[in-house]
Amino acid sequence: MKSKSMDEHKKKAPKSVNCAVITLSDSKYNDFLKQDNNDISGGIIKDALSEKHNIVFYSIIPDDAELLYSTINQITEDHEADVIITTGGTGIGPRDITIETLKEIFDKELNGFGEIFRYESYKELGTGAILSRATAGVYNGVLIVSMPGSPNAVNLGLKIVLPELGHLVKHLKE
């Protein structure tokens, strides 16, 4: 059942927003330093966003909490990003720091993104979806969406969040 008020909000939402993309991966960062950018997931995000939105920042960084935090602060201070999308660093290994770092800085968390992401992952993967860690929230007036690093996970996350980007930004700016 569609919501009339949500439809009205979406009509008033910006059609295009400014976006930043951060890929977290030790191996992709090392490749990037060697001038070999094999960031498939970051590329998928940039391509999908650039169909309607503006990419104002893109970076590949290693799995490092302090570097993620400083990169996000740089984006929120120096760029006019409305949205930051991260990919990678969401697993359960000791180097996977994205979710914990973001949850520490969120002013507000949007639990629905992670819930829907895991539900849709479960429909595709079965019980292996228990490993799916994704989150979204607001920091310094900027929406941050974080999804796993696999191309399939990125495509799923984009399917969930892209239709709502303008709507979410509209509410952030009110």
Protein backbone atom coordinates (compact mmCIF):
# COMPACT_ATOMS: atom_id res chain seq x y z
CA MET A 1 0.00 0.00 0.00
CA LYS A 2 1.49 3.29 -1.13
CA SER A 3 1.54 6.29 1.16
CA LYS A 4 0.09 9.50 -0.28
CA SER A 5 2.20 11.66 2.01
CA MET A 6 5.38 9.81 1.01
CA ASP A 7 4.50 10.27 -2.65
CA GLU A 8 4.03 14.01 -2.01
CA HIS A 9 7.38 14.24 -0.23
CA LYS A 10 9.11 12.45 -3.10
CA LYS A 11 7.60 14.88 -5.60
CA LYS A 12 9.20 17.75 -3.66
CA ALA A 13 12.53 15.97 -3.26
CA PRO A 14 15.60 16.97 -5.27
CA LYS A 15 16.03 14.95 -8.45
CA SER A 16 19.80 15.12 -8.18
CA VAL A 17 22.05 15.12 -5.10
CA ASN A 18 25.79 15.38 -4.53
CA CYS A 19 27.41 12.07 -3.63
CA ALA A 20 30.73 10.80 -2.35
CA VAL A 21 31.93 7.20 -2.69
CA ILE A 22 34.46 5.50 -0.42
CA THR A 23 35.74 1.98 -0.99
CA LEU A 24 37.39 0.35 2.02
CA SER A 25 39.79 -2.45 1.12
CA ASP A 26 43.40 -3.10 2.01
CA SER A 27 44.03 -5.01 -1.24
CA LYS A 28 42.23 -2.55 -3.53
CA TYR A 29 44.05 0.32 -1.84
CA ASN A 30 47.42 -1.34 -2.51
CA ASP A 31 46.40 -1.95 -6.15
CA PHE A 32 45.25 1.67 -6.41
CA LEU A 33 48.67 2.86 -5.23
CA LYS A 34 50.20 0.78 -8.06
CA GLN A 35 47.93 2.58 -10.56
CA ASP A 36 45.79 -0.57 -10.94
CA ASN A 37 42.25 0.39 -10.02
CA ASN A 38 40.24 -2.82 -9.86
CA ASP A 39 37.50 -1.37 -7.68
CA ILE A 40 34.52 -3.10 -9.29
CA SER A 41 32.07 -2.31 -6.49
CA GLY A 42 33.08 1.35 -6.25
CA GLY A 43 32.70 1.55 -10.04
CA ILE A 44 29.20 0.08 -9.87
CA ILE A 45 28.23 2.70 -7.28
CA LYS A 46 29.73 5.58 -9.27
CA ASP A 47 28.09 4.42 -12.51
CA ALA A 48 24.67 4.01 -10.86
CA LEU A 49 24.84 7.35 -9.08
CA SER A 50 26.09 9.28 -12.10
CA GLU A 51 22.92 8.44 -14.04
CA LYS A 52 20.99 11.03 -11.97
CA HIS A 53 23.35 12.40 -9.34
CA ASN A 54 26.70 14.20 -9.06
CA ILE A 55 29.85 12.47 -7.83
CA VAL A 56 31.82 15.09 -5.86
CA PHE A 57 34.36 12.75 -4.23
CA TYR A 58 35.73 9.24 -4.70
CA SER A 59 38.46 7.44 -2.82
CA ILE A 60 39.82 3.99 -2.06
CA ILE A 61 41.20 3.69 1.45
CA PRO A 62 42.55 0.81 3.52
CA ASP A 63 40.49 -0.74 6.33
CA ASP A 64 41.46 1.83 8.94
CA ALA A 65 38.97 3.41 11.35
CA GLU A 66 40.87 6.68 11.82
CA LEU A 67 41.34 7.11 8.08
CA LEU A 68 37.64 6.41 7.45
CA TYR A 69 36.69 8.95 10.08
CA SER A 70 39.07 11.61 8.73
CA THR A 71 37.93 10.97 5.13
CA ILE A 72 34.28 11.39 6.14
CA ASN A 73 35.14 14.59 8.01
CA GLN A 74 37.03 15.88 4.96
CA ILE A 75 34.00 15.16 2.78
CA THR A 76 31.53 16.80 5.15
CA GLU A 77 33.74 19.87 5.56
CA ASP A 78 35.28 20.35 2.09
CA HIS A 79 32.73 18.97 -0.35
CA GLU A 80 29.12 19.64 -0.87
CA ALA A 81 28.13 16.00 -0.49
CA ASP A 82 24.58 15.23 0.57
CA VAL A 83 25.27 11.49 0.61
CA ILE A 84 28.31 9.30 1.26
CA ILE A 85 28.15 5.68 0.14
CA THR A 86 30.77 3.27 1.41
CA THR A 87 31.49 -0.24 0.25
CA GLY A 88 33.67 -2.81 1.95
CA GLY A 89 35.05 -3.41 5.40
CA THR A 90 31.74 -4.77 6.67
CA GLY A 91 32.68 -8.40 7.32
CA ILE A 92 33.37 -10.03 10.66
CA GLY A 93 37.15 -10.25 10.38
CA PRO A 94 39.49 -8.25 12.60
CA ARG A 95 40.27 -5.71 9.82
CA ASP A 96 36.57 -5.05 9.08
CA ILE A 97 35.90 -1.74 10.85
CA THR A 98 33.35 0.12 8.74
CA ILE A 99 30.15 -0.64 10.63
CA GLU A 100 31.62 -0.04 14.08
CA THR A 101 33.29 3.20 12.99
CA LEU A 102 30.12 4.58 11.46
CA LYS A 103 27.84 3.58 14.33
CA GLU A 104 30.14 5.54 16.68
CA ILE A 105 29.70 8.76 14.72
CA PHE A 106 26.07 8.59 13.57
CA ASP A 107 23.86 11.34 14.92
CA LYS A 108 20.93 9.17 13.87
CA GLU A 109 20.87 5.62 12.55
CA LEU A 110 18.49 4.50 9.81
CA ASN A 111 17.99 0.91 10.91
CA GLY A 112 15.58 0.21 8.06
CA PHE A 113 18.33 0.08 5.44
CA GLY A 114 20.24 -2.70 7.17
CA GLU A 115 17.04 -4.57 7.99
CA ILE A 116 15.79 -4.48 4.41
CA PHE A 117 19.28 -5.32 3.11
CA ARG A 118 19.49 -8.43 5.29
CA TYR A 119 15.93 -9.48 4.44
CA GLU A 120 16.62 -9.22 0.71
CA SER A 121 19.98 -10.98 1.20
CA TYR A 122 18.21 -13.79 3.05
CA LYS A 123 15.80 -14.22 0.14
CA GLU A 124 18.82 -14.64 -2.20
CA LEU A 125 21.37 -16.40 0.02
CA GLY A 126 19.43 -18.18 2.72
CA THR A 127 20.95 -18.37 6.16
CA GLY A 128 24.33 -17.15 4.87
CA ALA A 129 22.75 -13.68 5.01
CA ILE A 130 23.60 -13.68 8.70
CA LEU A 131 27.03 -12.41 7.57
CA SER A 132 25.48 -9.41 5.77
CA ARG A 133 26.34 -6.22 7.59
CA ALA A 134 24.98 -2.99 6.18
CA THR A 135 23.89 0.23 7.84
CA ALA A 136 22.89 3.80 7.16
CA GLY A 137 22.72 6.94 9.23
CA VAL A 138 23.21 10.66 9.42
CA TYR A 139 26.41 12.44 10.39
CA ASN A 140 26.89 16.21 10.25
CA GLY A 141 23.79 16.57 8.10
CA VAL A 142 25.03 14.04 5.53
CA LEU A 143 23.43 10.68 4.82
CA ILE A 144 25.91 7.80 5.01
CA VAL A 145 25.03 4.42 3.52
CA SER A 146 27.38 1.51 4.07
CA MET A 147 27.20 -1.81 2.26
CA PRO A 148 29.40 -4.86 1.81
CA GLY A 149 32.10 -4.92 -0.84
CA SER A 150 30.86 -7.65 -3.15
CA PRO A 151 29.37 -6.49 -6.46
CA ASN A 152 26.16 -8.45 -5.76
CA ALA A 153 25.78 -6.76 -2.37
CA VAL A 154 26.39 -3.34 -3.92
CA ASN A 155 23.75 -3.94 -6.58
CA LEU A 156 21.29 -5.02 -3.90
CA GLY A 157 22.06 -2.02 -1.71
CA LEU A 158 21.69 0.38 -4.63
CA LYS A 159 18.35 -1.18 -5.54
CA ILE A 160 17.16 -0.35 -2.02
CA VAL A 161 18.62 3.13 -1.57
CA LEU A 162 18.66 4.80 -5.01
CA PRO A 163 14.88 5.34 -5.24
CA GLU A 164 14.98 7.14 -1.87
CA LEU A 165 18.12 9.30 -2.15
CA GLY A 166 16.37 12.55 -3.04
CA HIS A 167 13.62 11.86 -0.52
CA LEU A 168 16.14 11.22 2.26
CA VAL A 169 18.14 14.34 1.41
CA LYS A 170 14.95 16.41 1.37
CA HIS A 171 14.25 15.39 4.97
CA LEU A 172 17.86 16.07 5.99
CA LYS A 173 17.63 19.64 4.68
CA GLU A 174 14.35 20.51 6.42
